[in-house]
Amino acid sequence: MVTGRCAPRTAGALTAELQVAVHRVAAELPRLADVAGLPGLPDGRAVAHLDLHPGNVMRAPDGLVAIDWVNAHLTAVAADVARSVMTVRYQALGRLGAAGGLDEERDVRAQVLDGYLDRFHELGGRPEGLDLWLGHTAARLLAAEPSNPDRDQLEHLVDAVR
């Protein structure tokens, strides 16, 4: 996407395809609930990358490959999807280096997110507990980036699950 060989919407769709494939893999990983203590949030046993976005997806001769597995755990699919949504839409705004500034970057991120969500829903539907995980992930993002330019939207996501 950065080099212009892949449209933002396509990058989002490809990320969703890889993520759905990752969720179907069997692996021995720590359970997120065991290490993070997240009462009230839906849990599960899916392999979750927990940082999957187009910047962590690479093309290889055999297909797409996810890199940067440092956050991987077993958990609910919704946890992984929420983290991807938050990262693509809100995290570290201003780092894509869009020539048109923040508004252009928001537009590119929206295209990526539209492609991601459309394809994810085609392949797997809406994961159970997604709203709760979105609220939790928004709260964590606000704590990490208190001056996020989309603070109002993030606070709304947090308030929606209180």
Protein backbone atom coordinates (compact mmCIF):
# COMPACT_ATOMS: atom_id res chain seq x y z
CA MET A 1 0.00 0.00 0.00
CA VAL A 2 2.81 2.38 0.90
CA THR A 3 4.49 1.85 -2.48
CA GLY A 4 1.21 2.33 -4.35
CA ARG A 5 0.99 -1.26 -5.63
CA CYS A 6 -2.06 -2.03 -3.49
CA ALA A 7 -5.10 0.21 -2.99
CA PRO A 8 -6.01 0.95 0.65
CA ARG A 9 -9.35 -0.89 0.42
CA THR A 10 -7.59 -3.94 -1.04
CA ALA A 11 -4.95 -3.81 1.71
CA GLY A 12 -7.73 -3.89 4.29
CA ALA A 13 -9.45 -6.84 2.59
CA LEU A 14 -6.20 -8.80 2.37
CA THR A 15 -5.53 -8.13 6.05
CA ALA A 16 -8.96 -9.54 6.91
CA GLU A 17 -8.35 -12.66 4.80
CA LEU A 18 -5.07 -13.32 6.56
CA GLN A 19 -6.61 -12.68 9.97
CA VAL A 20 -9.44 -15.15 9.39
CA ALA A 21 -6.85 -17.75 8.35
CA VAL A 22 -4.81 -17.05 11.50
CA HIS A 23 -7.88 -17.56 13.70
CA ARG A 24 -8.26 -21.07 12.29
CA VAL A 25 -4.70 -22.16 13.12
CA ALA A 26 -4.06 -24.35 16.15
CA ALA A 27 -1.14 -23.18 18.29
CA GLU A 28 0.16 -23.33 21.81
CA LEU A 29 0.16 -19.76 23.08
CA PRO A 30 -0.60 -18.12 26.41
CA ARG A 31 -4.26 -17.32 26.96
CA LEU A 32 -4.84 -13.57 27.09
CA ALA A 33 -7.33 -13.99 29.95
CA ASP A 34 -4.67 -15.77 32.04
CA VAL A 35 -2.06 -13.05 31.65
CA ALA A 36 -4.18 -9.90 31.42
CA GLY A 37 -7.08 -10.55 33.79
CA LEU A 38 -9.89 -9.00 31.77
CA PRO A 39 -13.09 -9.75 33.67
CA GLY A 40 -16.34 -9.21 31.81
CA LEU A 41 -14.84 -9.50 28.33
CA PRO A 42 -15.70 -12.45 26.10
CA ASP A 43 -12.88 -14.97 25.95
CA GLY A 44 -11.99 -17.65 23.46
CA ARG A 45 -9.27 -19.93 22.17
CA ALA A 46 -8.58 -18.47 18.73
CA VAL A 47 -5.03 -17.61 17.75
CA ALA A 48 -4.98 -13.82 17.86
CA HIS A 49 -2.13 -11.75 16.43
CA LEU A 50 -3.34 -8.68 18.38
CA ASP A 51 -1.51 -6.22 16.12
CA LEU A 52 -2.61 -7.19 12.63
CA HIS A 53 -2.86 -4.26 10.26
CA PRO A 54 -1.57 -3.70 6.71
CA GLY A 55 1.83 -2.62 8.06
CA ASN A 56 2.29 -6.12 9.54
CA VAL A 57 1.22 -7.95 6.38
CA MET A 58 3.76 -8.79 3.71
CA ARG A 59 3.52 -10.53 0.38
CA ALA A 60 5.70 -13.63 0.08
CA PRO A 61 6.07 -16.05 -2.85
CA ASP A 62 3.54 -18.40 -1.19
CA GLY A 63 1.02 -15.67 -0.31
CA LEU A 64 0.46 -13.27 2.55
CA VAL A 65 2.51 -13.47 5.74
CA ALA A 66 1.92 -11.76 9.08
CA ILE A 67 4.97 -10.34 10.85
CA ASP A 68 5.48 -8.97 14.38
CA TRP A 69 3.93 -11.72 16.49
CA VAL A 70 5.08 -10.35 19.86
CA ASN A 71 1.47 -9.76 21.09
CA ALA A 72 0.01 -13.12 19.97
CA HIS A 73 -2.24 -14.96 22.44
CA LEU A 74 -5.22 -17.27 22.50
CA THR A 75 -8.39 -15.24 23.01
CA ALA A 76 -11.70 -14.27 21.47
CA VAL A 77 -11.76 -13.44 17.77
CA ALA A 78 -13.44 -10.17 18.77
CA ALA A 79 -10.32 -9.12 20.72
CA ASP A 80 -8.16 -9.49 17.63
CA VAL A 81 -10.64 -7.71 15.38
CA ALA A 82 -11.08 -4.85 17.86
CA ARG A 83 -7.34 -4.35 18.07
CA SER A 84 -7.06 -4.28 14.27
CA VAL A 85 -9.93 -1.80 13.96
CA MET A 86 -8.48 0.52 16.60
CA THR A 87 -5.00 0.38 15.12
CA VAL A 88 -6.13 1.08 11.58
CA ARG A 89 -8.60 3.81 12.49
CA TYR A 90 -7.11 5.61 15.46
CA GLN A 91 -3.62 4.65 16.53
CA ALA A 92 -0.65 6.91 15.97
CA LEU A 93 -2.46 9.27 13.60
CA GLY A 94 -0.04 11.45 11.69
CA ARG A 95 2.46 8.68 10.97
CA LEU A 96 1.37 7.63 7.49
CA GLY A 97 2.97 10.77 6.12
CA ALA A 98 0.05 11.57 3.82
CA ALA A 99 0.91 14.64 1.77
CA GLY A 100 -2.57 16.08 2.41
CA GLY A 101 -2.15 15.91 6.18
CA LEU A 102 -4.42 14.45 8.81
CA ASP A 103 -7.63 14.64 6.76
CA GLU A 104 -6.07 12.69 3.90
CA GLU A 105 -4.66 10.15 6.34
CA ARG A 106 -8.08 9.69 7.93
CA ASP A 107 -9.53 9.10 4.45
CA VAL A 108 -6.90 6.45 3.65
CA ARG A 109 -7.47 4.78 7.02
CA ALA A 110 -11.24 4.77 6.41
CA GLN A 111 -10.70 3.06 3.04
CA VAL A 112 -8.48 0.41 4.66
CA LEU A 113 -11.02 -0.13 7.42
CA ASP A 114 -13.95 -0.37 4.98
CA GLY A 115 -12.11 -3.03 2.96
CA TYR A 116 -11.11 -4.87 6.14
CA LEU A 117 -14.57 -4.91 7.73
CA ASP A 118 -16.41 -5.77 4.51
CA ARG A 119 -14.12 -8.72 3.82
CA PHE A 120 -14.04 -9.89 7.44
CA HIS A 121 -17.84 -9.91 7.59
CA GLU A 122 -18.01 -11.82 4.29
CA LEU A 123 -15.68 -14.48 5.63
CA GLY A 124 -16.66 -14.76 9.27
CA GLY A 125 -19.45 -12.43 10.22
CA ARG A 126 -19.39 -10.08 13.18
CA PRO A 127 -17.55 -11.68 16.10
CA GLU A 128 -19.44 -12.08 19.36
CA GLY A 129 -18.49 -9.44 21.92
CA LEU A 130 -16.94 -7.03 19.42
CA ASP A 131 -18.50 -3.91 20.98
CA LEU A 132 -17.12 -4.79 24.42
CA TRP A 133 -13.66 -5.38 23.00
CA LEU A 134 -13.83 -2.13 20.99
CA GLY A 135 -14.63 -0.21 24.17
CA HIS A 136 -11.82 -1.90 26.10
CA THR A 137 -9.33 -1.33 23.28
CA ALA A 138 -10.40 2.32 22.94
CA ALA A 139 -9.78 2.83 26.67
CA ARG A 140 -6.29 1.34 26.36
CA LEU A 141 -5.54 3.53 23.35
CA LEU A 142 -6.68 6.65 25.20
CA ALA A 143 -4.40 5.75 28.10
CA ALA A 144 -1.46 5.33 25.70
CA GLU A 145 -2.26 8.36 23.53
CA PRO A 146 -4.15 10.90 25.69
CA SER A 147 -3.77 13.60 23.02
CA ASN A 148 -5.13 11.41 20.19
CA PRO A 149 -6.85 13.74 17.70
CA ASP A 150 -9.92 11.47 17.73
CA ARG A 151 -10.26 11.48 21.51
CA ASP A 152 -13.99 12.29 21.39
CA GLN A 153 -14.75 9.27 19.18
CA LEU A 154 -12.64 7.00 21.39
CA GLU A 155 -14.38 8.24 24.54
CA HIS A 156 -17.73 7.54 22.89
CA LEU A 157 -16.67 3.91 22.27
CA VAL A 158 -15.61 3.57 25.90
CA ASP A 159 -18.86 5.12 27.20
CA ALA A 160 -20.97 2.84 24.97
CA VAL A 161 -19.90 -0.25 26.93
CA ARG A 162 -20.09 1.19 30.45
